[in-house]
Protein backbone atom coordinates (compact mmCIF):
# COMPACT_ATOMS: atom_id res chain seq x y z
CA UNK A 1 -22.00 -12.06 18.73
CA UNK A 2 -18.55 -14.23 18.65
CA UNK A 3 -15.84 -11.98 20.92
CA UNK A 4 -12.78 -14.65 20.51
CA UNK A 5 -12.37 -14.29 17.23
CA UNK A 6 -8.98 -14.09 15.81
CA UNK A 7 -9.88 -12.46 12.49
CA UNK A 8 -9.06 -9.12 13.41
CA UNK A 9 -5.50 -9.63 14.80
CA UNK A 10 -5.01 -11.84 11.47
CA UNK A 11 -6.56 -8.80 9.14
CA UNK A 12 -4.00 -6.36 11.56
CA UNK A 13 -1.38 -8.06 11.12
CA UNK A 14 -2.04 -8.97 7.41
CA UNK A 15 -2.08 -5.23 6.75
CA UNK A 16 1.04 -3.92 9.04
CA UNK A 17 3.11 -6.71 6.78
CA UNK A 18 2.07 -4.76 4.26
CA UNK A 19 2.94 -1.52 5.35
CA UNK A 20 6.21 -2.86 6.19
CA UNK A 21 6.83 -4.60 2.69
CA UNK A 22 5.97 -1.12 0.91
CA UNK A 23 8.38 0.78 3.40
CA UNK A 24 11.14 -2.06 3.63
CA UNK A 25 13.10 -0.70 0.64
CA UNK A 26 13.83 3.23 0.52
CA UNK A 27 13.80 4.15 -2.74
CA UNK A 28 9.90 2.04 -2.83
CA UNK A 29 8.94 4.02 0.34
CA UNK A 30 10.02 7.65 -1.54
CA UNK A 31 8.74 6.28 -4.51
CA UNK A 32 5.41 5.69 -2.89
CA UNK A 33 5.69 9.13 -1.08
CA UNK A 34 6.22 10.81 -4.45
CA UNK A 35 3.02 9.24 -5.92
CA UNK A 36 1.13 9.49 -2.91
CA UNK A 37 1.57 13.30 -3.02
CA UNK A 38 1.17 13.42 -6.52
CA UNK A 39 -2.22 12.12 -6.87
CA UNK A 40 -2.81 14.73 -3.78
CA UNK A 41 -1.72 17.77 -5.09
CA UNK A 42 -2.96 17.42 -9.21
CA UNK A 43 -6.63 18.60 -10.46
CA UNK A 44 -5.81 17.10 -13.16
CA UNK A 45 -8.33 13.17 -12.87
CA UNK A 46 -5.52 11.21 -15.62
CA UNK A 47 -2.20 12.30 -13.51
CA UNK A 48 -4.03 11.52 -10.83
CA UNK A 49 -5.25 7.90 -12.37
CA UNK A 50 -1.97 7.23 -13.48
CA UNK A 51 0.29 7.85 -10.24
CA UNK A 52 -2.69 5.81 -8.79
CA UNK A 53 -2.43 2.83 -11.45
CA UNK A 54 1.59 3.17 -10.12
CA UNK A 55 0.87 2.55 -6.77
CA UNK A 56 -1.51 -0.27 -7.14
CA UNK A 57 1.56 -1.35 -8.98
CA UNK A 58 3.84 -1.05 -5.45
CA UNK A 59 0.60 -2.56 -3.32
CA UNK A 60 1.35 -5.65 -5.88
CA UNK A 61 4.70 -6.33 -5.36
CA UNK A 62 4.05 -5.72 -1.17
CA UNK A 63 1.19 -8.08 -1.33
CA UNK A 64 3.49 -10.75 -3.67
CA UNK A 65 6.35 -10.73 -0.93
CA UNK A 66 3.86 -10.82 1.86
CA UNK A 67 2.30 -13.89 0.62
CA UNK A 68 5.85 -15.28 0.06
């Protein structure tokens, strides 16, 4: 077992960067919260899928920003 690996730290930093990118802009953060609540509150699978797909778009934007 290798205990001096930096992989966990790099993973954490990447996830943190995505988290920050998602919340950097108030409108995007508000929209993400709305969509997360919509997924949690609905009993309709199609509505949940649509909201989840929109969350995916926001995540893609954040990942692209982090990669830039």
